[in-house]
Amino acid sequence: MKAFLMVVLGILIFVVIFQIAKASEYVSVLKGEEKTRKQNNRINAFLLMGLLVFGLIGVWYCNELYYGKTLFPQGSASVEGESLDRMFMITTAITGLVFVITQILLFWFAYKYQESDNRKAFYYPHNNKLELLWTTVPAIFLTVLVVFGLKYWFKITADAPKDAIVVEVTGHQFAWEFRYPGADKMLGKKNFKLTNSDNNLGVDFNDPASKDDIHVTGTMHIPVGVPVKMVIGSQDVIHDVGLPHFRLKMDAVPGIPTTQWFTPKFTTAQMKDKTKNPDFVYEIACDQLCGANHYAMRGVIVVETMEEYKKWLAEQKSEWQSLQEKNAPKPAVADSNASKPVQTAQALPVKK
């Protein structure tokens, strides 16, 4: 019933608009098409100026209303993200200034140079200086912005500092899994052919370096103030490691490991105080549409002090050790009835 009413309402709106258009045509014929056209031009010119004023007020109002709800007031939670935030603000300032100037000129010209019997249009087909100016200046600004962007990009995707903590991040539909190197500081090899229910990541345990690797799901622990290098991959489709609080993102591509590193500035506890949100957590989002449950592909990053991180790491068992314990033969359970003495039936006395 509701769908039927919506269809009827749509038809009625169409009929009303059609009738208004036909009435306008009849009015134009009665008044004279030329006079009607000039009146419409004046009306449109004033409406465009109103749109300019209210549009710019709307832009300002939306910024005032929603800017505080974005992540920018919190600042970047990584050292490297500060440069990215600065570049973003510079880009927004430049493009925002150009937007305001061009929109004011666009609507002002539509108002000032509306049709008039006292003015003749000037034919101005070409100007080399003007075209060179509006081509060269934007090209220079954009080139500078691109160069700075590439500089920051090459920094966070280049080799991480030697003291960086390495974490392997693997995405699959629809979860994140993490692997840490053990005492040898080396991640063991992987082979997709070894992937099974007991070995989700396909780790090659014949490689000695894999024997002490630690495997966790859903939550990544990292220390504050120390560079963290992520070795990123995917087991099925293309995912994307999105770290909005740290201002970073990187594609997770099947068969092609990618890397990125950053230095956390604040622990999770500090961010809870800073944001005044006791439920605050650093999130890992998948920024690439990856399937039906893409919306649910969420991970958590716990940033803690080095002491807390070392304590957490010491409490973790290596994946190899966990598998050995899981697959170890269970000791036979003794029958509780076996030790009890067997009671024989006694003959009942027979009455004569």
Protein backbone atom coordinates (compact mmCIF):
# COMPACT_ATOMS: atom_id res chain seq x y z
CA MET A 1 0.00 0.00 0.00
CA LYS A 2 2.80 2.39 0.91
CA ALA A 3 4.58 1.76 -2.40
CA PHE A 4 1.33 2.38 -4.29
CA LEU A 5 0.81 5.72 -2.52
CA MET A 6 4.40 6.76 -3.31
CA VAL A 7 3.84 6.01 -7.01
CA VAL A 8 0.59 8.01 -7.02
CA LEU A 9 2.31 10.91 -5.25
CA GLY A 10 5.10 10.85 -7.83
CA ILE A 11 2.58 10.96 -10.67
CA LEU A 12 0.73 13.88 -9.06
CA ILE A 13 3.97 15.85 -8.64
CA PHE A 14 4.82 15.23 -12.28
CA VAL A 15 1.36 16.41 -13.39
CA VAL A 16 1.62 19.58 -11.28
CA ILE A 17 5.07 20.43 -12.71
CA PHE A 18 3.79 19.73 -16.22
CA GLN A 19 0.79 22.02 -15.73
CA ILE A 20 2.97 24.81 -14.32
CA ALA A 21 5.26 24.51 -17.35
CA LYS A 22 2.29 24.70 -19.74
CA ALA A 23 0.88 27.71 -17.87
CA SER A 24 4.27 29.43 -18.16
CA GLU A 25 4.24 28.85 -21.90
CA TYR A 26 0.77 30.44 -22.20
CA VAL A 27 1.89 33.43 -20.10
CA SER A 28 4.92 33.83 -22.35
CA VAL A 29 2.73 33.90 -25.43
CA LEU A 30 0.40 36.52 -23.89
CA LYS A 31 3.22 38.75 -22.63
CA GLY A 32 5.55 38.20 -25.53
CA GLU A 33 8.42 35.76 -25.52
CA GLU A 34 11.15 38.40 -25.56
CA LYS A 35 9.76 40.27 -22.56
CA THR A 36 9.28 37.02 -20.63
CA ARG A 37 12.82 35.92 -21.39
CA LYS A 38 14.28 39.17 -20.05
CA GLN A 39 12.21 38.94 -16.89
CA ASN A 40 13.34 35.36 -16.36
CA ASN A 41 16.97 36.41 -16.84
CA ARG A 42 16.65 39.06 -14.12
CA ILE A 43 14.93 36.64 -11.76
CA ASN A 44 17.60 33.99 -12.39
CA ALA A 45 20.39 36.52 -11.82
CA PHE A 46 19.00 37.47 -8.37
CA LEU A 47 18.40 33.82 -7.51
CA LEU A 48 22.00 32.98 -8.41
CA MET A 49 23.29 35.74 -6.12
CA GLY A 50 21.09 34.38 -3.35
CA LEU A 51 22.45 30.90 -4.00
CA LEU A 52 26.00 32.26 -3.73
CA VAL A 53 25.36 33.97 -0.38
CA PHE A 54 23.41 31.13 1.20
CA GLY A 55 25.75 28.54 -0.29
CA LEU A 56 28.84 30.11 1.27
CA ILE A 57 27.00 30.53 4.58
CA GLY A 58 26.05 26.85 4.37
CA VAL A 59 29.66 25.84 3.77
CA TRP A 60 30.80 27.83 6.80
CA TYR A 61 27.95 26.50 8.96
CA CYS A 62 28.64 22.86 8.05
CA ASN A 63 32.30 23.34 8.90
CA GLU A 64 31.39 24.83 12.29
CA LEU A 65 28.85 22.08 12.92
CA TYR A 66 30.84 19.01 11.91
CA TYR A 67 34.55 19.85 12.14
CA GLY A 68 34.58 19.05 15.86
CA LYS A 69 33.22 15.58 15.11
CA THR A 70 36.09 14.68 12.79
CA LEU A 71 39.46 13.24 13.82
CA PHE A 72 41.35 16.46 13.02
CA PRO A 73 40.76 18.24 16.36
CA GLN A 74 42.39 15.24 18.07
CA GLY A 75 45.53 15.67 16.02
CA SER A 76 47.58 12.88 14.52
CA ALA A 77 48.37 9.96 16.82
CA SER A 78 51.61 9.26 14.92
CA VAL A 79 54.71 11.37 14.37
CA GLU A 80 54.60 10.82 10.61
CA GLY A 81 50.92 11.73 10.48
CA GLU A 82 51.69 15.28 11.61
CA SER A 83 53.32 16.01 8.25
CA LEU A 84 50.37 14.49 6.42
CA ASP A 85 47.93 16.61 8.43
CA ARG A 86 49.95 19.73 7.65
CA MET A 87 50.00 18.89 3.94
CA PHE A 88 46.25 18.27 3.99
CA MET A 89 45.57 21.63 5.65
CA ILE A 90 47.77 23.46 3.15
CA THR A 91 46.02 21.74 0.26
CA THR A 92 42.60 22.54 1.73
CA ALA A 93 43.57 26.20 2.27
CA ILE A 94 44.80 26.63 -1.31
CA THR A 95 41.92 24.82 -2.99
CA GLY A 96 39.41 26.43 -0.60
CA LEU A 97 40.66 29.93 -1.49
CA VAL A 98 40.47 29.13 -5.20
CA PHE A 99 36.97 27.69 -4.72
CA VAL A 100 35.66 30.80 -2.97
CA ILE A 101 37.20 33.21 -5.49
CA THR A 102 36.03 31.29 -8.57
CA GLN A 103 32.49 30.80 -7.20
CA ILE A 104 32.13 34.49 -6.35
CA LEU A 105 33.34 35.46 -9.82
CA LEU A 106 31.08 32.89 -11.48
CA PHE A 107 27.88 34.06 -9.79
CA TRP A 108 28.84 37.75 -9.93
CA PHE A 109 29.44 37.56 -13.68
CA ALA A 110 26.06 35.82 -14.13
CA TYR A 111 24.42 38.73 -12.26
CA LYS A 112 26.42 41.64 -13.68
CA TYR A 113 26.38 40.56 -17.31
CA GLN A 114 22.77 39.49 -17.66
CA GLU A 115 20.98 40.32 -20.86
CA SER A 116 20.56 44.06 -21.43
CA ASP A 117 19.36 46.23 -24.34
CA ASN A 118 22.00 48.85 -23.43
CA ARG A 119 24.98 46.52 -23.77
CA LYS A 120 26.33 44.48 -26.65
CA ALA A 121 28.20 41.22 -26.06
CA PHE A 122 31.93 41.43 -26.71
CA TYR A 123 33.41 38.63 -28.78
CA TYR A 124 36.62 37.53 -27.04
CA PRO A 125 37.76 34.22 -28.56
CA HIS A 126 41.40 33.93 -27.52
CA ASN A 127 44.14 35.38 -25.31
CA ASN A 128 47.53 33.68 -25.12
CA LYS A 129 48.65 35.50 -21.95
CA LEU A 130 45.46 34.68 -20.09
CA GLU A 131 45.54 31.01 -21.06
CA LEU A 132 49.22 30.76 -20.15
CA LEU A 133 48.48 32.35 -16.78
CA TRP A 134 45.59 30.09 -15.78
CA THR A 135 47.46 27.00 -16.99
CA THR A 136 50.89 27.71 -15.53
CA VAL A 137 49.90 28.95 -12.05
CA PRO A 138 47.70 25.94 -11.15
CA ALA A 139 50.31 23.59 -12.63
CA ILE A 140 53.02 25.07 -10.39
CA PHE A 141 50.88 24.84 -7.24
CA LEU A 142 49.79 21.29 -8.01
CA THR A 143 53.36 20.22 -8.77
CA VAL A 144 54.56 21.56 -5.42
CA LEU A 145 51.74 19.74 -3.59
CA VAL A 146 52.47 16.50 -5.44
CA VAL A 147 56.20 16.73 -4.65
CA PHE A 148 55.50 17.18 -0.94
CA GLY A 149 53.01 14.32 -1.05
CA LEU A 150 55.53 12.00 -2.70
CA LYS A 151 58.17 13.04 -0.16
CA TYR A 152 55.99 11.99 2.79
CA TRP A 153 54.80 8.86 0.97
CA PHE A 154 58.33 7.69 0.19
CA LYS A 155 59.27 8.26 3.82
CA ILE A 156 56.62 6.01 5.36
CA THR A 157 56.99 3.31 2.71
CA ALA A 158 60.81 3.28 2.72
CA ASP A 159 62.97 1.17 5.03
CA ALA A 160 61.90 1.54 8.64
CA PRO A 161 64.44 2.53 11.34
CA LYS A 162 66.61 -0.32 12.59
CA ASP A 163 64.96 -0.32 16.01
CA ALA A 164 61.47 -0.69 14.52
CA ILE A 165 59.16 -3.42 15.80
CA VAL A 166 57.93 -5.64 12.96
CA VAL A 167 54.32 -6.81 12.82
CA GLU A 168 52.91 -8.85 9.96
CA VAL A 169 49.31 -7.81 9.15
CA THR A 170 47.24 -10.25 7.11
CA GLY A 171 43.71 -9.55 5.92
CA HIS A 172 41.09 -12.01 4.80
CA GLN A 173 37.33 -11.99 4.53
CA PHE A 174 36.53 -10.61 7.05
CA ALA A 175 39.17 -10.23 9.77
CA TRP A 176 42.73 -9.14 10.51
CA GLU A 177 45.46 -11.45 11.82
CA PHE A 178 48.84 -10.42 13.22
CA ARG A 179 52.17 -12.21 13.55
CA TYR A 180 55.13 -11.08 15.66
CA PRO A 181 58.70 -12.38 15.40
CA GLY A 182 60.05 -14.07 18.51
CA ALA A 183 63.41 -13.71 20.21
CA ASP A 184 65.27 -14.13 16.91
CA LYS A 185 63.59 -10.93 15.57
CA MET A 186 62.80 -12.74 12.31
CA LEU A 187 59.48 -13.79 10.85
CA GLY A 188 59.37 -17.34 9.54
CA LYS A 189 58.53 -18.14 5.93
CA LYS A 190 54.98 -18.78 4.71
CA ASN A 191 53.56 -20.98 1.98
CA PHE A 192 49.94 -20.69 0.95
CA LYS A 193 49.85 -24.44 0.27
CA LEU A 194 50.28 -25.06 4.00
CA THR A 195 47.17 -23.09 4.94
CA ASN A 196 44.60 -25.14 6.86
CA SER A 197 42.30 -24.88 9.86
CA ASP A 198 45.23 -25.27 12.28
CA ASN A 199 47.57 -23.01 10.31
CA ASN A 200 45.51 -20.05 9.12
CA LEU A 201 48.49 -18.09 7.80
CA GLY A 202 50.25 -20.98 6.07
CA VAL A 203 53.41 -20.65 8.18
CA ASP A 204 56.22 -23.01 7.19
CA PHE A 205 57.24 -24.54 10.52
CA ASN A 206 60.18 -26.29 8.85
CA ASP A 207 61.80 -22.87 8.86
CA PRO A 208 63.59 -22.48 12.24
CA ALA A 209 62.73 -18.78 12.29
CA SER A 210 59.01 -19.59 12.51
CA LYS A 211 59.25 -21.69 15.70
CA ASP A 212 59.01 -18.66 18.02
CA ASP A 213 56.61 -16.50 15.97
CA ILE A 214 53.50 -15.28 17.83
CA HIS A 215 50.11 -15.27 16.13
CA VAL A 216 47.14 -13.22 17.39
CA THR A 217 43.78 -12.32 15.84
CA GLY A 218 41.77 -9.11 15.94
CA THR A 219 43.97 -7.00 18.25
CA MET A 220 47.44 -5.65 17.57
CA HIS A 221 49.65 -4.57 20.50
CA ILE A 222 52.39 -2.01 19.89
CA PRO A 223 54.53 0.21 22.19
CA VAL A 224 54.35 3.99 22.21
CA GLY A 225 57.24 6.10 20.91
CA VAL A 226 58.84 3.24 18.94
CA PRO A 227 58.70 2.86 15.14
CA VAL A 228 56.39 0.05 14.04
CA LYS A 229 56.85 -1.58 10.64
CA MET A 230 53.81 -3.34 9.18
CA VAL A 231 54.34 -6.09 6.62
CA ILE A 232 50.93 -6.22 4.94
CA GLY A 233 49.34 -8.96 2.87
CA SER A 234 46.03 -10.59 1.96
CA GLN A 235 44.85 -14.17 1.61
CA ASP A 236 41.95 -13.64 -0.78
CA VAL A 237 40.85 -10.31 -2.29
CA ILE A 238 42.36 -6.83 -2.07
CA HIS A 239 41.88 -5.27 1.37
CA ASP A 240 43.23 -2.00 2.73
CA VAL A 241 44.77 -1.36 6.14
CA GLY A 242 43.22 1.93 7.19
CA LEU A 243 44.60 3.60 10.33
CA PRO A 244 42.59 6.85 10.55
CA HIS A 245 44.00 7.98 13.91
CA PHE A 246 47.55 7.56 12.60
CA ARG A 247 46.69 9.09 9.18
CA LEU A 248 47.90 6.04 7.28
CA LYS A 249 46.52 3.49 4.84
CA MET A 250 48.02 0.79 2.66
CA ASP A 251 46.58 -1.83 0.30
CA ALA A 252 46.75 -5.48 1.30
CA VAL A 253 47.28 -7.31 -1.98
CA PRO A 254 47.24 -11.11 -2.43
CA GLY A 255 50.73 -12.39 -3.23
CA ILE A 256 52.39 -8.96 -3.09
CA PRO A 257 53.51 -7.90 0.41
CA THR A 258 53.49 -4.16 1.06
CA THR A 259 55.12 -2.28 3.93
CA GLN A 260 54.51 0.89 5.89
CA TRP A 261 55.83 2.22 9.18
CA PHE A 262 54.84 4.81 11.75
CA THR A 263 55.65 5.94 15.28
CA PRO A 264 52.75 6.10 17.78
CA LYS A 265 52.66 9.25 19.91
CA PHE A 266 50.01 8.43 22.51
CA THR A 267 49.02 5.30 24.35
CA THR A 268 45.41 4.16 24.28
CA ALA A 269 45.03 5.31 27.89
CA GLN A 270 46.37 8.77 27.03
CA MET A 271 43.94 9.07 24.10
CA LYS A 272 41.06 8.17 26.40
CA ASP A 273 42.01 11.15 28.57
CA LYS A 274 42.68 13.40 25.59
CA THR A 275 39.36 12.66 23.89
CA LYS A 276 37.46 12.37 27.20
CA ASN A 277 36.07 9.11 25.87
CA PRO A 278 36.54 6.12 28.22
CA ASP A 279 35.62 3.75 25.38
CA PHE A 280 38.21 5.09 22.94
CA VAL A 281 40.16 2.54 20.88
CA TYR A 282 42.50 2.81 17.93
CA GLU A 283 40.84 1.08 15.00
CA ILE A 284 42.01 -0.81 11.93
CA ALA A 285 39.45 -0.40 9.19
CA CYS A 286 39.35 -2.05 5.79
CA ASP A 287 39.28 0.90 3.37
CA GLN A 288 38.69 -1.25 0.30
CA LEU A 289 35.28 -2.74 -0.50
CA CYS A 290 36.02 -6.45 -0.10
CA GLY A 291 32.70 -8.28 0.06
CA ALA A 292 29.33 -8.61 1.77
CA ASN A 293 30.69 -8.22 5.32
CA HIS A 294 33.20 -5.50 4.50
CA TYR A 295 31.55 -3.22 7.08
CA ALA A 296 32.41 -5.68 9.86
CA MET A 297 36.10 -6.04 9.02
CA ARG A 298 37.45 -4.16 12.02
CA GLY A 299 40.54 -4.59 14.13
CA VAL A 300 41.83 -2.90 17.26
CA ILE A 301 45.27 -1.48 18.05
CA VAL A 302 46.36 -1.30 21.67
CA VAL A 303 49.15 1.25 22.13
CA GLU A 304 50.86 0.82 25.49
CA THR A 305 54.09 1.59 27.27
CA MET A 306 57.16 -0.48 26.48
CA GLU A 307 56.92 -2.22 29.86
CA GLU A 308 53.29 -3.18 29.22
CA TYR A 309 54.13 -4.31 25.70
CA LYS A 310 57.01 -6.53 26.87
CA LYS A 311 54.80 -8.02 29.58
CA TRP A 312 52.05 -8.80 27.05
CA LEU A 313 54.60 -10.28 24.63
CA ALA A 314 56.07 -12.50 27.36
CA GLU A 315 52.61 -13.87 28.15
CA GLN A 316 52.03 -15.04 24.57
CA LYS A 317 52.79 -18.56 23.40
CA SER A 318 54.38 -19.12 20.03
CA GLU A 319 52.07 -20.52 17.38
CA TRP A 320 54.30 -23.58 17.08
CA GLN A 321 54.05 -24.26 20.80
CA SER A 322 50.26 -23.84 20.75
CA LEU A 323 49.95 -26.31 17.87
CA GLN A 324 52.20 -28.83 19.62
CA GLU A 325 50.07 -28.63 22.74
CA LYS A 326 46.87 -28.88 20.74
CA ASN A 327 47.99 -31.95 18.78
CA ALA A 328 49.75 -33.70 21.65
CA PRO A 329 48.23 -37.13 22.47
CA LYS A 330 46.05 -36.99 25.52
CA PRO A 331 46.94 -39.32 28.43
CA ALA A 332 44.65 -42.29 28.88
CA VAL A 333 42.02 -41.84 31.57
CA ALA A 334 41.85 -44.70 34.09
CA ASP A 335 38.49 -46.35 34.59
CA SER A 336 37.15 -45.25 37.98
CA ASN A 337 35.36 -48.57 38.43
CA ALA A 338 38.45 -50.69 37.83
CA SER A 339 39.87 -50.22 41.33
CA LYS A 340 36.68 -51.14 43.12
CA PRO A 341 36.47 -54.75 44.47
CA VAL A 342 34.00 -56.97 42.73
CA GLN A 343 31.12 -57.92 44.99
CA THR A 344 29.73 -61.42 44.50
CA ALA A 345 26.14 -62.24 45.08
CA GLN A 346 25.38 -64.12 48.31
CA ALA A 347 22.90 -66.95 48.36
CA LEU A 348 19.70 -66.20 50.17
CA PRO A 349 18.55 -68.67 52.81
CA VAL A 350 15.75 -70.91 51.58
CA LYS A 351 12.83 -71.53 53.88
CA LYS A 352 11.86 -75.13 54.24
